[in-house]
Amino acid sequence: MMNGQGYYSITELTNEFGITTRTLRFYESEKLLNPEREGRKRLYSSRDRARLILILRGKRLGFSLAEIREIIEMYDLAPGEDGQIRRLLECIAKHRAQLKAKRQDIDDILLEMSEVEAVAAGRLGELRKFSSKLSLSEKR
């Protein structure tokens, strides 16, 4: 909730987005956010809030901080929003390809686990049969 002067406090943003003050200060130290100061108090503008939304979305999508910074900063530089959107699409394509490769690796590992599990369970069954036959012959 924006205060009467059009700014957000650090507490308001951390509560709204479920992040820590340390996280917010980190983004500030990385020059991704630029709050105004009123003494020791940080005042975040609507622009800072919008940037924070983009940062958190980028992190959820697996983008590096460098990629996020590049995309955000492109908005104010030529070719502006057009270039920003094209770069965003490139990053999405790159990360999508990486995730698909990881998913394929996981699927391959799960299949191999199933195969090993089936062989191990089969061998365990053979050992139990053999063990029970030995027990019967010893009782005779």
N, C-alpha and C. Protein backbone atom coordinates (compact mmCIF):
# COMPACT_ATOMS: atom_id res chain seq x y z
N MET A 1 0.84 -1.18 0.00
CA MET A 1 0.00 0.00 0.00
C MET A 1 0.89 1.24 0.00
N MET A 2 0.70 2.05 -0.97
CA MET A 2 1.49 3.27 -1.10
C MET A 2 1.08 4.26 -0.02
N ASN A 3 2.11 4.93 0.55
CA ASN A 3 1.76 5.95 1.55
C ASN A 3 1.25 7.20 0.84
N GLY A 4 0.85 8.19 1.59
CA GLY A 4 0.23 9.39 1.03
C GLY A 4 1.12 10.17 0.07
N GLN A 5 2.45 9.97 0.13
CA GLN A 5 3.36 10.71 -0.73
C GLN A 5 3.69 9.95 -2.01
N GLY A 6 3.08 8.82 -2.25
CA GLY A 6 3.34 8.06 -3.47
C GLY A 6 4.53 7.12 -3.38
N TYR A 7 4.94 6.76 -2.16
CA TYR A 7 6.09 5.88 -1.98
C TYR A 7 5.71 4.68 -1.13
N TYR A 8 6.51 3.64 -1.26
CA TYR A 8 6.34 2.42 -0.47
C TYR A 8 7.49 2.32 0.52
N SER A 9 7.20 1.84 1.70
CA SER A 9 8.27 1.60 2.68
C SER A 9 8.86 0.22 2.42
N ILE A 10 10.02 -0.01 3.01
CA ILE A 10 10.67 -1.31 2.86
C ILE A 10 9.78 -2.41 3.44
N THR A 11 9.11 -2.10 4.54
CA THR A 11 8.22 -3.08 5.18
C THR A 11 7.03 -3.41 4.28
N GLU A 12 6.47 -2.40 3.64
CA GLU A 12 5.33 -2.65 2.75
C GLU A 12 5.72 -3.56 1.59
N LEU A 13 6.89 -3.31 1.00
CA LEU A 13 7.31 -4.14 -0.14
C LEU A 13 7.69 -5.55 0.29
N THR A 14 8.38 -5.67 1.41
CA THR A 14 8.76 -7.02 1.86
C THR A 14 7.53 -7.83 2.22
N ASN A 15 6.56 -7.21 2.83
CA ASN A 15 5.32 -7.92 3.17
C ASN A 15 4.53 -8.28 1.92
N GLU A 16 4.42 -7.34 0.99
CA GLU A 16 3.64 -7.58 -0.23
C GLU A 16 4.22 -8.73 -1.06
N PHE A 17 5.54 -8.79 -1.16
CA PHE A 17 6.17 -9.77 -2.05
C PHE A 17 6.76 -10.98 -1.32
N GLY A 18 6.65 -11.00 -0.01
CA GLY A 18 7.14 -12.15 0.76
C GLY A 18 8.65 -12.32 0.65
N ILE A 19 9.37 -11.22 0.68
CA ILE A 19 10.83 -11.26 0.63
C ILE A 19 11.39 -10.61 1.89
N THR A 20 12.68 -10.77 2.09
CA THR A 20 13.30 -10.20 3.28
C THR A 20 13.83 -8.79 2.98
N THR A 21 14.06 -8.04 4.04
CA THR A 21 14.67 -6.72 3.86
C THR A 21 16.07 -6.88 3.29
N ARG A 22 16.74 -7.95 3.64
CA ARG A 22 18.08 -8.22 3.10
C ARG A 22 18.03 -8.38 1.59
N THR A 23 17.01 -9.07 1.09
CA THR A 23 16.85 -9.25 -0.36
C THR A 23 16.65 -7.90 -1.04
N LEU A 24 15.78 -7.10 -0.47
CA LEU A 24 15.50 -5.78 -1.05
C LEU A 24 16.77 -4.91 -1.05
N ARG A 25 17.50 -4.96 0.03
CA ARG A 25 18.75 -4.18 0.11
C ARG A 25 19.79 -4.72 -0.88
N PHE A 26 19.79 -6.03 -1.10
CA PHE A 26 20.71 -6.61 -2.08
C PHE A 26 20.41 -6.07 -3.47
N TYR A 27 19.14 -6.06 -3.86
CA TYR A 27 18.78 -5.53 -5.18
C TYR A 27 19.15 -4.05 -5.28
N GLU A 28 19.05 -3.36 -4.17
CA GLU A 28 19.46 -1.96 -4.15
C GLU A 28 20.98 -1.85 -4.34
N SER A 29 21.74 -2.69 -3.66
CA SER A 29 23.21 -2.65 -3.80
C SER A 29 23.65 -3.03 -5.20
N GLU A 30 22.84 -3.82 -5.88
CA GLU A 30 23.13 -4.21 -7.26
C GLU A 30 22.64 -3.16 -8.26
N LYS A 31 22.16 -2.04 -7.75
CA LYS A 31 21.67 -0.91 -8.56
C LYS A 31 20.45 -1.26 -9.41
N LEU A 32 19.68 -2.24 -8.96
CA LEU A 32 18.44 -2.59 -9.65
C LEU A 32 17.27 -1.76 -9.12
N LEU A 33 17.40 -1.32 -7.88
CA LEU A 33 16.39 -0.45 -7.26
C LEU A 33 17.11 0.79 -6.76
N ASN A 34 16.41 1.91 -6.77
CA ASN A 34 17.02 3.16 -6.36
C ASN A 34 16.05 3.96 -5.49
N PRO A 35 15.87 3.53 -4.24
CA PRO A 35 14.93 4.25 -3.38
C PRO A 35 15.47 5.61 -2.97
N GLU A 36 14.55 6.51 -2.71
CA GLU A 36 14.93 7.81 -2.15
C GLU A 36 15.15 7.61 -0.66
N ARG A 37 15.87 8.54 -0.08
CA ARG A 37 16.16 8.46 1.35
C ARG A 37 15.52 9.63 2.07
N GLU A 38 14.99 9.29 3.22
CA GLU A 38 14.46 10.31 4.13
C GLU A 38 15.09 9.98 5.48
N GLY A 39 16.28 10.53 5.70
CA GLY A 39 17.06 10.13 6.87
C GLY A 39 17.57 8.73 6.63
N ARG A 40 17.25 7.83 7.55
CA ARG A 40 17.65 6.42 7.40
C ARG A 40 16.56 5.60 6.72
N LYS A 41 15.44 6.24 6.47
CA LYS A 41 14.29 5.56 5.89
C LYS A 41 14.40 5.50 4.37
N ARG A 42 14.12 4.31 3.80
CA ARG A 42 14.11 4.14 2.35
C ARG A 42 12.68 4.31 1.85
N LEU A 43 12.53 5.06 0.77
CA LEU A 43 11.22 5.25 0.16
C LEU A 43 11.28 4.77 -1.28
N TYR A 44 10.49 3.74 -1.57
CA TYR A 44 10.51 3.11 -2.90
C TYR A 44 9.37 3.67 -3.74
N SER A 45 9.69 4.07 -4.96
CA SER A 45 8.71 4.64 -5.87
C SER A 45 7.92 3.53 -6.57
N SER A 46 6.90 3.93 -7.30
CA SER A 46 6.14 2.97 -8.12
C SER A 46 7.06 2.31 -9.14
N ARG A 47 8.03 3.06 -9.64
CA ARG A 47 9.01 2.50 -10.58
C ARG A 47 9.84 1.41 -9.91
N ASP A 48 10.28 1.64 -8.67
CA ASP A 48 11.03 0.62 -7.93
C ASP A 48 10.17 -0.62 -7.73
N ARG A 49 8.91 -0.41 -7.40
CA ARG A 49 7.99 -1.54 -7.20
C ARG A 49 7.82 -2.34 -8.49
N ALA A 50 7.67 -1.64 -9.61
CA ALA A 50 7.53 -2.32 -10.91
C ALA A 50 8.81 -3.10 -11.24
N ARG A 51 9.95 -2.49 -10.95
CA ARG A 51 11.23 -3.18 -11.19
C ARG A 51 11.34 -4.42 -10.30
N LEU A 52 10.89 -4.31 -9.06
CA LEU A 52 10.93 -5.44 -8.15
C LEU A 52 10.07 -6.59 -8.69
N ILE A 53 8.92 -6.27 -9.21
CA ILE A 53 8.06 -7.30 -9.82
C ILE A 53 8.82 -8.00 -10.95
N LEU A 54 9.49 -7.22 -11.80
CA LEU A 54 10.25 -7.81 -12.91
C LEU A 54 11.42 -8.65 -12.41
N ILE A 55 12.11 -8.19 -11.38
CA ILE A 55 13.23 -8.94 -10.81
C ILE A 55 12.75 -10.28 -10.29
N LEU A 56 11.68 -10.26 -9.50
CA LEU A 56 11.18 -11.50 -8.89
C LEU A 56 10.64 -12.45 -9.95
N ARG A 57 9.98 -11.93 -10.97
CA ARG A 57 9.49 -12.76 -12.07
C ARG A 57 10.68 -13.39 -12.80
N GLY A 58 11.70 -12.59 -13.07
CA GLY A 58 12.89 -13.11 -13.74
C GLY A 58 13.56 -14.21 -12.93
N LYS A 59 13.66 -14.02 -11.63
CA LYS A 59 14.25 -15.06 -10.77
C LYS A 59 13.42 -16.34 -10.81
N ARG A 60 12.09 -16.21 -10.77
CA ARG A 60 11.21 -17.39 -10.85
C ARG A 60 11.41 -18.14 -12.17
N LEU A 61 11.68 -17.39 -13.24
CA LEU A 61 11.87 -18.00 -14.55
C LEU A 61 13.28 -18.56 -14.72
N GLY A 62 14.14 -18.35 -13.74
CA GLY A 62 15.49 -18.91 -13.79
C GLY A 62 16.52 -18.00 -14.42
N PHE A 63 16.18 -16.73 -14.63
CA PHE A 63 17.11 -15.79 -15.23
C PHE A 63 18.20 -15.43 -14.23
N SER A 64 19.38 -15.17 -14.73
CA SER A 64 20.46 -14.69 -13.87
C SER A 64 20.21 -13.22 -13.56
N LEU A 65 20.88 -12.74 -12.53
CA LEU A 65 20.75 -11.34 -12.18
C LEU A 65 21.26 -10.45 -13.32
N ALA A 66 22.31 -10.90 -14.01
CA ALA A 66 22.83 -10.13 -15.15
C ALA A 66 21.79 -10.03 -16.26
N GLU A 67 21.09 -11.13 -16.53
CA GLU A 67 20.04 -11.10 -17.57
C GLU A 67 18.90 -10.17 -17.15
N ILE A 68 18.52 -10.25 -15.89
CA ILE A 68 17.44 -9.40 -15.38
C ILE A 68 17.84 -7.93 -15.50
N ARG A 69 19.06 -7.62 -15.08
CA ARG A 69 19.55 -6.25 -15.15
C ARG A 69 19.53 -5.76 -16.60
N GLU A 70 20.04 -6.57 -17.51
CA GLU A 70 20.09 -6.19 -18.92
C GLU A 70 18.69 -5.89 -19.46
N ILE A 71 17.75 -6.77 -19.17
CA ILE A 71 16.38 -6.59 -19.67
C ILE A 71 15.75 -5.33 -19.08
N ILE A 72 15.89 -5.12 -17.78
CA ILE A 72 15.30 -3.95 -17.13
C ILE A 72 15.91 -2.67 -17.68
N GLU A 73 17.23 -2.64 -17.80
CA GLU A 73 17.90 -1.41 -18.24
C GLU A 73 17.63 -1.09 -19.70
N MET A 74 17.29 -2.09 -20.51
CA MET A 74 17.01 -1.85 -21.93
C MET A 74 15.79 -0.96 -22.13
N TYR A 75 14.91 -0.94 -21.17
CA TYR A 75 13.68 -0.16 -21.30
C TYR A 75 13.99 1.31 -21.55
N ASP A 76 15.02 1.81 -20.87
CA ASP A 76 15.36 3.23 -20.98
C ASP A 76 16.37 3.54 -22.08
N LEU A 77 16.86 2.52 -22.76
CA LEU A 77 17.87 2.72 -23.80
C LEU A 77 17.30 2.36 -25.17
N ALA A 78 17.94 2.85 -26.23
CA ALA A 78 17.54 2.47 -27.59
C ALA A 78 17.87 0.98 -27.77
N PRO A 79 17.06 0.15 -28.36
CA PRO A 79 15.79 0.44 -29.02
C PRO A 79 14.59 0.40 -28.09
N GLY A 80 14.80 0.58 -26.82
CA GLY A 80 13.69 0.71 -25.89
C GLY A 80 12.93 -0.57 -25.64
N GLU A 81 11.63 -0.42 -25.50
CA GLU A 81 10.78 -1.56 -25.15
C GLU A 81 10.85 -2.67 -26.18
N ASP A 82 10.97 -2.33 -27.46
CA ASP A 82 11.07 -3.32 -28.52
C ASP A 82 12.29 -4.23 -28.28
N GLY A 83 13.44 -3.62 -28.04
CA GLY A 83 14.65 -4.39 -27.77
C GLY A 83 14.55 -5.17 -26.48
N GLN A 84 13.91 -4.57 -25.50
CA GLN A 84 13.72 -5.22 -24.20
C GLN A 84 12.90 -6.50 -24.38
N ILE A 85 11.84 -6.41 -25.13
CA ILE A 85 10.96 -7.56 -25.34
C ILE A 85 11.68 -8.64 -26.15
N ARG A 86 12.43 -8.22 -27.17
CA ARG A 86 13.18 -9.21 -27.95
C ARG A 86 14.20 -9.93 -27.08
N ARG A 87 14.89 -9.21 -26.22
CA ARG A 87 15.88 -9.83 -25.32
C ARG A 87 15.18 -10.76 -24.33
N LEU A 88 14.04 -10.34 -23.83
CA LEU A 88 13.26 -11.20 -22.94
C LEU A 88 12.91 -12.51 -23.63
N LEU A 89 12.46 -12.43 -24.87
CA LEU A 89 12.09 -13.64 -25.61
C LEU A 89 13.30 -14.55 -25.84
N GLU A 90 14.47 -13.96 -26.08
CA GLU A 90 15.69 -14.75 -26.22
C GLU A 90 16.01 -15.49 -24.92
N CYS A 91 15.89 -14.79 -23.81
CA CYS A 91 16.17 -15.42 -22.50
C CYS A 91 15.18 -16.53 -22.21
N ILE A 92 13.93 -16.30 -22.52
CA ILE A 92 12.91 -17.33 -22.30
C ILE A 92 13.24 -18.56 -23.13
N ALA A 93 13.58 -18.38 -24.41
CA ALA A 93 13.89 -19.51 -25.28
C ALA A 93 15.10 -20.29 -24.74
N LYS A 94 16.12 -19.56 -24.30
CA LYS A 94 17.32 -20.21 -23.75
C LYS A 94 16.99 -21.03 -22.51
N HIS A 95 16.26 -20.44 -21.60
CA HIS A 95 15.93 -21.14 -20.35
C HIS A 95 14.95 -22.28 -20.58
N ARG A 96 14.04 -22.11 -21.51
CA ARG A 96 13.11 -23.19 -21.85
C ARG A 96 13.90 -24.40 -22.37
N ALA A 97 14.85 -24.16 -23.24
CA ALA A 97 15.67 -25.25 -23.79
C ALA A 97 16.45 -25.95 -22.67
N GLN A 98 16.99 -25.16 -21.75
CA GLN A 98 17.72 -25.75 -20.62
C GLN A 98 16.80 -26.61 -19.75
N LEU A 99 15.60 -26.10 -19.49
CA LEU A 99 14.65 -26.86 -18.66
C LEU A 99 14.19 -28.14 -19.35
N LYS A 100 13.98 -28.07 -20.67
CA LYS A 100 13.59 -29.28 -21.41
C LYS A 100 14.71 -30.31 -21.36
N ALA A 101 15.95 -29.88 -21.48
CA ALA A 101 17.08 -30.80 -21.39
C ALA A 101 17.15 -31.43 -20.01
N LYS A 102 16.93 -30.61 -18.97
CA LYS A 102 16.93 -31.14 -17.60
C LYS A 102 15.80 -32.14 -17.41
N ARG A 103 14.62 -31.82 -17.97
CA ARG A 103 13.48 -32.74 -17.85
C ARG A 103 13.80 -34.06 -18.54
N GLN A 104 14.44 -34.00 -19.71
CA GLN A 104 14.82 -35.23 -20.41
C GLN A 104 15.81 -36.04 -19.58
N ASP A 105 16.78 -35.34 -18.97
CA ASP A 105 17.74 -36.03 -18.10
C ASP A 105 17.03 -36.71 -16.93
N ILE A 106 16.08 -36.01 -16.33
CA ILE A 106 15.33 -36.59 -15.21
C ILE A 106 14.52 -37.79 -15.67
N ASP A 107 13.85 -37.68 -16.82
CA ASP A 107 13.08 -38.81 -17.36
C ASP A 107 13.98 -40.02 -17.62
N ASP A 108 15.18 -39.77 -18.17
CA ASP A 108 16.13 -40.85 -18.44
C ASP A 108 16.58 -41.52 -17.14
N ILE A 109 16.86 -40.73 -16.12
CA ILE A 109 17.29 -41.27 -14.83
C ILE A 109 16.16 -42.07 -14.18
N LEU A 110 14.93 -41.55 -14.24
CA LEU A 110 13.80 -42.28 -13.66
C LEU A 110 13.58 -43.61 -14.37
N LEU A 111 13.74 -43.64 -15.68
CA LEU A 111 13.61 -44.88 -16.43
C LEU A 111 14.70 -45.88 -16.03
N GLU A 112 15.91 -45.39 -15.92
CA GLU A 112 17.01 -46.26 -15.50
C GLU A 112 16.80 -46.78 -14.08
N MET A 113 16.29 -45.92 -13.20
CA MET A 113 15.99 -46.35 -11.82
C MET A 113 14.96 -47.48 -11.83
N SER A 114 13.94 -47.34 -12.65
CA SER A 114 12.90 -48.37 -12.74
C SER A 114 13.49 -49.69 -13.22
N GLU A 115 14.38 -49.62 -14.20
CA GLU A 115 15.02 -50.82 -14.72
C GLU A 115 15.88 -51.49 -13.65
N VAL A 116 16.69 -50.72 -12.96
CA VAL A 116 17.55 -51.25 -11.89
C VAL A 116 16.69 -51.80 -10.76
N GLU A 117 15.63 -51.10 -10.43
CA GLU A 117 14.72 -51.53 -9.38
C GLU A 117 14.09 -52.89 -9.73
N ALA A 118 13.66 -53.04 -10.98
CA ALA A 118 13.04 -54.29 -11.41
C ALA A 118 14.04 -55.44 -11.35
N VAL A 119 15.27 -55.22 -11.79
CA VAL A 119 16.30 -56.25 -11.74
C VAL A 119 16.61 -56.61 -10.28
N ALA A 120 16.75 -55.59 -9.42
CA ALA A 120 17.06 -55.83 -8.01
C ALA A 120 15.93 -56.58 -7.31
N ALA A 121 14.69 -56.19 -7.59
CA ALA A 121 13.55 -56.86 -6.97
C ALA A 121 13.46 -58.31 -7.46
N GLY A 122 13.73 -58.52 -8.73
CA GLY A 122 13.73 -59.89 -9.27
C GLY A 122 14.80 -60.74 -8.62
N ARG A 123 15.99 -60.19 -8.47
CA ARG A 123 17.08 -60.92 -7.84
C ARG A 123 16.77 -61.21 -6.38
N LEU A 124 16.17 -60.26 -5.69
CA LEU A 124 15.79 -60.46 -4.30
C LEU A 124 14.78 -61.61 -4.19
N GLY A 125 13.84 -61.66 -5.11
CA GLY A 125 12.87 -62.76 -5.13
C GLY A 125 13.55 -64.10 -5.34
N GLU A 126 14.52 -64.16 -6.25
CA GLU A 126 15.27 -65.40 -6.48
C GLU A 126 16.01 -65.83 -5.23
N LEU A 127 16.64 -64.88 -4.55
CA LEU A 127 17.38 -65.19 -3.33
C LEU A 127 16.46 -65.72 -2.24
N ARG A 128 15.26 -65.15 -2.13
CA ARG A 128 14.31 -65.60 -1.11
C ARG A 128 13.83 -67.02 -1.41
N LYS A 129 13.57 -67.30 -2.69
CA LYS A 129 13.16 -68.66 -3.08
C LYS A 129 14.27 -69.65 -2.74
N PHE A 130 15.49 -69.30 -3.10
CA PHE A 130 16.63 -70.16 -2.84
C PHE A 130 16.81 -70.38 -1.35
N SER A 131 16.66 -69.31 -0.58
CA SER A 131 16.81 -69.36 0.87
C SER A 131 15.74 -70.25 1.49
N SER A 132 14.50 -70.15 0.99
CA SER A 132 13.42 -70.97 1.55
C SER A 132 13.60 -72.43 1.15
N LYS A 133 14.14 -72.74 -0.04
CA LYS A 133 14.42 -74.13 -0.45
C LYS A 133 15.49 -74.74 0.44
N LEU A 134 16.52 -73.93 0.78
CA LEU A 134 17.57 -74.41 1.67
C LEU A 134 17.01 -74.73 3.05
N SER A 135 16.12 -73.88 3.52
CA SER A 135 15.53 -74.08 4.84
C SER A 135 14.72 -75.36 4.86
N LEU A 136 13.99 -75.66 3.81
CA LEU A 136 13.18 -76.88 3.73
C LEU A 136 14.06 -78.11 3.68
N SER A 137 15.15 -78.05 2.92
CA SER A 137 16.03 -79.23 2.80
C SER A 137 16.78 -79.46 4.10
N GLU A 138 17.07 -78.43 4.85
CA GLU A 138 17.77 -78.58 6.13
C GLU A 138 16.85 -79.22 7.17
N LYS A 139 15.53 -78.99 7.05
CA LYS A 139 14.58 -79.52 8.02
C LYS A 139 14.37 -81.02 7.81
N ARG A 140 14.67 -81.55 6.65
CA ARG A 140 14.43 -82.97 6.35
C ARG A 140 15.42 -83.84 6.96
